[in-house]
Protein backbone atom coordinates (compact mmCIF):
# COMPACT_ATOMS: atom_id res chain seq x y z
CA MET A 1 -19.47 6.85 -5.10
CA VAL A 2 -18.07 5.80 -8.87
CA VAL A 3 -14.79 7.56 -10.08
CA ASP A 4 -15.03 9.05 -13.39
CA THR A 5 -10.61 8.20 -14.11
CA GLU A 6 -11.34 10.24 -17.06
CA VAL A 7 -12.69 13.44 -15.34
CA VAL A 8 -9.88 11.85 -12.49
CA ASN A 9 -6.56 12.61 -15.66
CA SER A 10 -8.41 15.60 -16.66
CA ILE A 11 -8.51 17.53 -13.45
CA THR A 12 -4.91 18.98 -13.40
CA THR A 13 -4.37 19.36 -17.35
CA GLU A 14 -5.01 23.44 -16.73
CA SER A 15 -3.78 25.64 -14.36
CA ARG A 16 -1.28 23.46 -13.52
CA LYS A 17 2.01 25.08 -11.87
CA PRO A 18 5.32 24.82 -12.92
CA GLU A 19 7.77 22.49 -11.68
CA VAL A 20 9.50 22.43 -7.87
CA SER A 21 12.70 20.24 -7.31
CA GLU A 22 11.31 17.58 -5.18
CA ASN A 23 8.08 15.80 -5.85
CA ARG A 24 7.99 14.10 -1.75
CA ILE A 25 7.92 15.04 1.82
CA ASP A 26 10.91 14.71 3.60
CA VAL A 27 10.57 15.10 7.77
CA LYS A 28 13.99 14.50 9.60
CA ASN A 29 14.47 14.83 13.48
CA LEU A 30 11.26 16.57 13.95
CA SER A 31 9.67 16.92 18.02
CA HIS A 32 7.48 18.79 19.34
CA ALA A 33 7.08 19.82 22.57
CA TYR A 34 3.77 21.91 25.10
CA PRO A 35 4.77 23.55 27.53
CA GLU A 36 3.13 21.02 29.78
CA ARG A 37 4.20 17.61 27.45
CA ARG A 38 6.69 16.66 24.62
CA ALA A 39 3.93 15.48 21.94
CA LEU A 40 6.69 14.35 18.92
CA GLU A 41 10.03 13.11 19.55
CA ASN A 42 12.38 12.40 16.08
CA VAL A 43 10.15 11.84 13.72
CA SER A 44 11.41 11.01 10.44
CA PHE A 45 10.13 9.68 7.53
CA SER A 46 9.40 11.11 3.23
CA VAL A 47 6.59 10.41 0.95
CA SER A 48 7.07 10.79 -2.26
CA SER A 49 4.04 11.61 -5.26
CA GLY A 50 1.38 8.92 -6.35
CA GLU A 51 1.53 7.46 -2.82
CA ILE A 52 -1.35 7.25 -0.12
CA PHE A 53 0.13 7.57 2.81
CA GLY A 54 -1.05 6.70 6.68
CA LEU A 55 0.17 8.61 9.99
CA LEU A 56 -1.69 5.55 12.19
CA GLY A 57 -1.92 5.96 16.30
CA PRO A 58 -4.75 5.90 18.71
CA ASN A 59 -6.29 9.48 20.31
CA GLY A 60 -3.02 10.90 22.30
CA SER A 61 -0.12 9.80 19.86
CA GLY A 62 0.75 13.22 18.54
CA LYS A 63 -0.52 13.19 14.84
CA THR A 64 -2.56 15.92 15.09
CA THR A 65 -0.04 18.06 16.60
CA LEU A 66 2.34 16.35 12.95
CA PHE A 67 -0.17 17.59 10.55
CA LYS A 68 -0.54 20.64 12.02
CA ILE A 69 2.94 20.84 11.32
CA LEU A 70 2.72 19.60 8.26
CA SER A 71 -0.19 21.47 7.04
CA THR A 72 1.10 24.85 8.26
CA LEU A 73 -0.40 25.60 11.24
CA ILE A 74 2.23 26.06 13.94
CA PRO A 75 5.99 26.14 12.87
CA ILE A 76 8.70 23.86 13.60
CA THR A 77 10.39 24.17 16.74
CA SER A 78 13.21 21.34 15.92
CA GLY A 79 13.69 19.09 13.40
CA THR A 80 12.97 19.82 9.70
CA ALA A 81 10.98 19.47 6.86
CA HIS A 82 11.01 19.80 3.21
CA ILE A 83 7.24 19.90 1.01
CA LEU A 84 7.72 19.72 -2.40
CA GLY A 85 11.77 21.52 -1.98
CA TYR A 86 10.58 24.53 -0.05
CA ASN A 87 11.80 24.29 3.41
CA LEU A 88 8.84 24.28 5.69
CA ALA A 89 10.54 26.54 8.46
CA THR A 90 11.33 29.59 5.73
CA GLU A 91 9.44 29.34 2.91
CA VAL A 92 6.14 28.30 4.61
CA ARG A 93 3.88 30.84 1.44
CA MET A 94 5.82 28.92 -0.96
CA ILE A 95 4.09 25.86 0.33
CA ARG A 96 0.40 26.55 1.26
CA ASP A 97 0.48 27.30 -2.61
CA PHE A 98 0.55 23.63 -3.20
CA LEU A 99 -1.48 21.82 -0.26
CA GLY A 100 -4.78 20.83 -0.22
CA VAL A 101 -5.96 21.01 3.72
CA VAL A 102 -9.25 18.67 4.47
CA PHE A 103 -9.41 19.03 8.60
CA GLN A 104 -11.03 16.36 10.70
CA HIS A 105 -13.70 19.34 12.00
CA PRO A 106 -15.79 20.46 8.27
CA GLY A 107 -14.54 23.75 6.83
CA LEU A 108 -18.23 24.56 4.18
CA ASP A 109 -20.28 26.69 5.15
CA GLY A 110 -24.04 25.17 5.91
CA LYS A 111 -26.26 27.83 4.80
CA LEU A 112 -24.49 28.41 0.94
CA THR A 113 -24.57 25.56 -1.36
CA ILE A 114 -22.18 22.93 -3.00
CA VAL A 115 -21.37 25.10 -5.73
CA GLU A 116 -21.15 28.80 -3.99
CA ASN A 117 -18.79 26.65 -1.16
CA LEU A 118 -16.10 25.84 -4.36
CA ARG A 119 -16.94 29.81 -5.81
CA HIS A 120 -15.57 32.03 -3.00
CA HIS A 121 -12.39 29.06 -2.23
CA GLY A 122 -11.06 29.91 -5.67
CA HIS A 123 -12.19 33.45 -4.64
CA LEU A 124 -9.75 32.89 -2.39
CA TYR A 125 -6.82 31.32 -3.73
CA GLY A 126 -6.82 34.13 -7.18
CA LEU A 127 -9.66 31.60 -10.17
CA SER A 128 -11.90 33.47 -10.89
CA GLY A 129 -14.48 32.88 -14.71
CA LYS A 130 -14.46 30.66 -16.89
CA THR A 131 -11.29 29.00 -15.39
CA LEU A 132 -13.36 28.96 -12.19
CA HIS A 133 -16.32 27.40 -13.54
CA HIS A 134 -14.17 24.79 -15.76
CA ARG A 135 -13.22 23.87 -12.41
CA ILE A 136 -15.93 23.20 -9.71
CA SER A 137 -18.18 22.21 -12.83
CA GLU A 138 -14.96 18.83 -12.90
CA LEU A 139 -14.73 18.58 -9.43
CA LEU A 140 -18.46 18.38 -9.59
CA GLU A 141 -18.83 15.80 -11.59
CA CYS A 142 -15.34 13.32 -10.52
CA PHE A 143 -16.42 13.57 -7.01
CA GLY A 144 -20.73 12.87 -8.45
CA VAL A 145 -21.84 15.42 -6.95
CA ALA A 146 -22.67 17.22 -10.18
CA ASP A 147 -27.01 16.72 -9.87
CA ARG A 148 -26.58 18.33 -6.43
CA ALA A 149 -24.09 21.30 -6.57
CA LYS A 150 -27.64 23.76 -5.73
CA GLU A 151 -28.37 22.41 -2.84
CA HIS A 152 -27.31 23.97 0.74
CA VAL A 153 -25.40 22.00 2.13
CA GLU A 154 -26.66 21.65 5.54
CA ILE A 155 -28.24 19.32 4.86
CA LEU A 156 -25.50 17.01 3.39
CA SER A 157 -24.70 13.50 4.39
CA GLY A 158 -21.29 12.54 6.03
CA GLY A 159 -20.13 11.83 3.22
CA LEU A 160 -21.02 14.04 0.50
CA LYS A 161 -20.08 16.72 2.55
CA ARG A 162 -16.46 14.58 2.71
CA ARG A 163 -17.13 15.12 -0.96
CA VAL A 164 -17.36 18.00 -0.76
CA GLU A 165 -14.40 19.23 1.06
CA ILE A 166 -11.86 17.39 -0.88
CA ALA A 167 -12.83 18.81 -3.84
CA LYS A 168 -12.71 22.24 -2.16
CA ALA A 169 -8.88 21.08 -1.10
CA LEU A 170 -8.12 20.31 -4.72
CA LEU A 171 -10.16 23.06 -6.51
CA HIS A 172 -6.68 25.33 -7.09
CA THR A 173 -4.93 22.02 -8.33
CA PRO A 174 -2.30 20.93 -5.43
CA ARG A 175 0.50 18.86 -5.32
CA VAL A 176 -0.18 17.48 -1.76
CA LEU A 177 -3.24 16.49 -0.10
CA MET A 178 -3.48 16.56 3.28
CA LEU A 179 -6.48 15.13 4.78
CA ASP A 180 -6.83 14.64 9.31
CA GLU A 181 -8.94 11.45 9.73
CA PRO A 182 -11.08 12.51 6.85
CA THR A 183 -13.03 9.52 7.93
CA SER A 184 -14.41 10.24 10.72
CA GLY A 185 -18.14 9.71 11.45
CA LEU A 186 -18.89 8.10 8.59
CA ASP A 187 -20.46 4.97 8.43
CA MET A 188 -18.38 1.65 6.25
CA THR A 189 -20.33 1.96 3.14
CA ALA A 190 -18.95 6.24 3.12
CA ARG A 191 -15.51 5.05 4.20
CA GLN A 192 -14.80 2.51 1.81
CA GLN A 193 -16.05 4.81 -1.06
CA LEU A 194 -13.37 7.97 0.00
CA ASN A 195 -11.19 5.25 0.66
CA ASN A 196 -11.41 3.53 -2.94
CA TYR A 197 -11.36 7.66 -4.98
CA LEU A 198 -8.44 8.65 -2.73
CA GLY A 199 -6.69 5.72 -4.12
CA ALA A 200 -7.93 6.35 -8.23
CA LEU A 201 -6.63 10.03 -6.87
CA ALA A 202 -3.06 9.33 -5.97
CA GLN A 203 -2.26 6.34 -8.97
CA THR A 204 -3.86 8.81 -12.00
CA GLN A 205 -3.16 12.68 -11.06
CA ASP A 206 0.61 11.75 -9.51
CA ILE A 207 0.02 13.67 -6.74
CA LEU A 208 0.60 13.17 -2.93
CA VAL A 209 -1.39 12.16 -0.29
CA LEU A 210 -1.09 12.22 3.64
CA MET A 211 -3.72 11.43 6.03
CA THR A 212 -3.68 10.53 9.77
CA THR A 213 -5.57 8.04 11.12
CA HIS A 214 -7.34 6.00 14.32
CA LEU A 215 -8.62 4.04 12.16
CA LEU A 216 -6.56 0.34 11.55
CA GLU A 217 -9.33 -0.30 8.27
CA ASP A 218 -8.40 3.36 6.90
CA ALA A 219 -4.65 2.19 7.78
CA GLU A 220 -4.99 -0.88 5.67
CA THR A 221 -5.93 0.79 2.75
CA CYS A 222 -2.85 2.38 2.24
CA ASP A 223 0.59 1.83 -0.23
CA ARG A 224 2.40 2.65 3.37
CA VAL A 225 2.16 3.53 7.16
CA GLY A 226 3.84 5.04 10.05
CA ILE A 227 2.90 4.20 13.03
CA LEU A 228 3.49 7.45 15.78
CA ASP A 229 2.71 6.10 20.07
CA ASP A 230 3.61 8.58 22.19
CA GLY A 231 5.21 11.25 19.90
CA ARG A 232 7.54 8.86 18.38
CA LEU A 233 7.37 6.97 15.20
CA VAL A 234 7.81 3.37 16.15
CA ALA A 235 7.24 1.72 12.70
CA LEU A 236 7.06 2.73 9.15
CA GLY A 237 6.19 0.27 5.95
CA GLU A 238 3.35 -1.19 3.51
CA PRO A 239 0.97 -2.66 5.74
CA ASP A 240 1.40 -6.06 4.95
CA GLU A 241 5.31 -5.94 5.29
CA LEU A 242 4.13 -4.75 9.07
CA LYS A 243 1.83 -7.35 9.76
CA ALA A 244 4.29 -9.68 8.49
CA GLU A 245 6.74 -8.58 11.30
CA VAL A 246 4.37 -9.88 14.19
CA GLY A 247 5.33 -13.63 13.67
CA GLY A 248 2.27 -15.92 12.90
CA ASP A 249 -1.30 -16.55 14.43
CA VAL A 250 -2.73 -14.11 16.47
CA ILE A 251 -4.75 -15.89 19.66
CA LEU A 252 -6.48 -14.51 22.50
CA ILE A 253 -7.82 -16.44 25.57
CA GLU A 254 -9.96 -16.06 28.35
CA THR A 255 -9.58 -17.36 31.69
CA THR A 256 -10.70 -17.50 34.78
CA ASP A 257 -6.74 -16.64 36.41
CA SER A 258 -4.48 -15.30 33.03
CA ASP A 259 -1.49 -15.86 35.46
CA ILE A 260 -1.76 -19.08 36.26
CA LEU A 261 -2.47 -19.99 33.06
CA GLY A 262 -0.26 -18.14 31.30
CA THR A 263 2.77 -18.89 33.08
CA ALA A 264 1.50 -23.23 32.58
CA ILE A 265 1.44 -21.90 28.61
CA THR A 266 5.22 -20.90 28.71
CA GLU A 267 6.42 -24.01 30.70
CA ARG A 268 4.60 -25.95 28.55
CA PHE A 269 4.64 -24.87 25.36
CA GLY A 270 7.91 -22.58 25.26
CA ILE A 271 5.02 -19.73 24.20
CA SER A 272 5.36 -16.26 26.28
CA THR A 273 2.02 -14.55 26.42
CA ALA A 274 0.81 -11.00 27.63
CA LEU A 275 -1.62 -10.12 29.39
CA THR A 276 -3.79 -7.61 27.53
CA ASP A 277 -7.71 -6.19 28.33
CA ASP A 278 -8.50 -8.98 26.10
CA GLY A 279 -6.96 -11.68 28.43
CA LEU A 280 -4.00 -13.32 27.18
CA ARG A 281 -2.52 -12.53 24.23
CA LEU A 282 0.28 -14.74 22.11
CA GLU A 283 1.80 -15.54 18.97
CA CYS A 284 2.46 -18.57 16.84
CA GLU A 285 2.52 -20.27 13.48
CA ARG A 286 -0.14 -22.30 12.32
CA GLY A 287 -2.34 -21.20 15.36
CA HIS A 288 -5.15 -23.83 14.76
CA GLU A 289 -3.10 -26.74 16.05
CA PHE A 290 -2.22 -24.75 18.88
CA VAL A 291 -6.17 -24.11 19.83
CA ARG A 292 -6.31 -27.63 19.08
CA ASP A 293 -3.49 -28.30 21.80
CA VAL A 294 -3.55 -25.80 24.62
CA VAL A 295 -7.60 -26.80 24.76
CA ALA A 296 -6.84 -30.44 25.51
CA THR A 297 -3.69 -29.22 27.64
CA PHE A 298 -6.12 -26.96 29.50
CA PRO A 299 -9.95 -27.66 29.20
CA ASP A 300 -10.91 -26.58 32.51
CA GLU A 301 -8.87 -23.04 32.69
CA ILE A 302 -9.93 -21.52 29.22
CA GLN A 303 -13.56 -20.22 29.26
CA SER A 304 -12.95 -18.94 25.65
CA ILE A 305 -10.08 -18.42 22.51
CA ARG A 306 -10.00 -17.00 19.47
CA PHE A 307 -6.76 -16.82 16.56
CA GLY A 308 -6.54 -14.69 13.32
CA LYS A 309 -4.14 -13.30 10.97
CA PRO A 310 -2.56 -10.51 12.59
CA THR A 311 -3.73 -6.34 12.71
CA LEU A 312 -2.10 -3.53 11.90
CA ALA A 313 -3.16 -2.99 15.82
CA ASP A 314 -1.12 -6.23 16.68
CA VAL A 315 1.66 -4.36 15.30
CA PHE A 316 2.03 -1.88 17.39
CA ILE A 317 0.74 -4.11 20.39
CA LYS A 318 4.12 -6.19 19.37
CA LEU A 319 6.09 -2.72 19.21
CA THR A 320 5.27 -1.12 22.18
CA GLY A 321 3.46 -3.37 24.45
CA ASN A 322 0.23 -1.49 25.43
CA PRO A 323 -3.15 -1.68 23.62
CA PHE A 324 -4.23 0.14 20.41
CA GLN A 325 -6.16 2.96 22.79
CA GLU A 326 -7.07 6.39 23.50
CA ARG A 327 -4.50 7.72 26.15
CA LYS A 328 -7.19 9.59 28.05
CA ASP A 329 -4.28 11.97 29.80
CA ARG A 330 -3.00 12.87 26.63
CA GLN A 331 -4.45 15.05 23.40
CA ASN A 332 -2.95 14.12 20.11
C-alpha cells in the first residue's frame, strides 16, 4: 500500500473538532474483575498524540479487557482513565466523539460496497452532503482503494478490508485511533503495509494510535510498548530499550538432559540457565564466543544450539519467567 502523505496531511483540515484540554490518554491504577477472575491489576500508563502505543501480551493477558474499557464498551470499576482530558468514568459521550475504533472482528457489511459502508457510517456521526462525499473521497484515495469504491466488501481480501475498516474509523476525524489486533489474519505483506500506514498517520496527523497485539513483529513497529501478563503491566518503554535490558545475546540449547547440563553450565561458566519448551535458555554477552566454548566443553551433551539478539518475547520471559504463549485457561 502506497501512502500519499499529502492526502494524509489534508484529511484533518476540515471538520476538526475544537481543541480539548489535553492530547493524551492517562490511565492510573486501572483494575477490572469478572466474577470468575481478575482481568486487570493496577495498570498505569500514558500515551501522547503523535505516538503509536502497543499493548502487547499473549492471549489471556488482559489486553482485550483493557481495550474494551478504553473504547467505552465496558465501564471502569476501579482506578481512573482520562482521554483527551475527559474522565472515562463520567464523560463517555464526549469521549466517543473523538474516538475512532477498529475491532478485531470485521464491522463492515459485506453486501454493501466500500463507499456505501462509509456513507452509512458517516450518517451515524451527522455527516452528509458534500462534506461526507469529500471525506470519503479523501480516505479512499489515501488508502489506495478509490478504484474499488463500488465493489462489494465481501469480495475484498483481508488486507483491503482492514484498510476500509480504518478508513471508516477515521471518517469523523477522530483524535484517538484504537485498534484491536489490527493485523490479525493478514499475511506478512499486508501486515507490513498496514503498520507503515499507521506510522505515517501518527506522524502527519498528530493523532494518538493505540493498538493491542499478540504479534511481536507488530509491537516492534510501535513507538512504545506496554507488555501485559496476567492482567499486570510488567514492562513499559521503547522496544529497543526493553530489549537492551535483557543483557547480551539469548542462547537456546537442545539437550537430552536439561537439568544436568544446566547445572554443569552454571558450575563451569557461572551463567544461570532456565528450562523452556525450546530447551535450556540463557543470556550472556558475546554469545558467539560462549557458543564456541560450551560446545567444546560439552560436545556429547549438546544436540543443537542457537543464539541471537533478544526479542520482546525474551523481555517477557525475563520479567515473568513464563513463555510468551496463550493462557488456555483464560480469555483476554
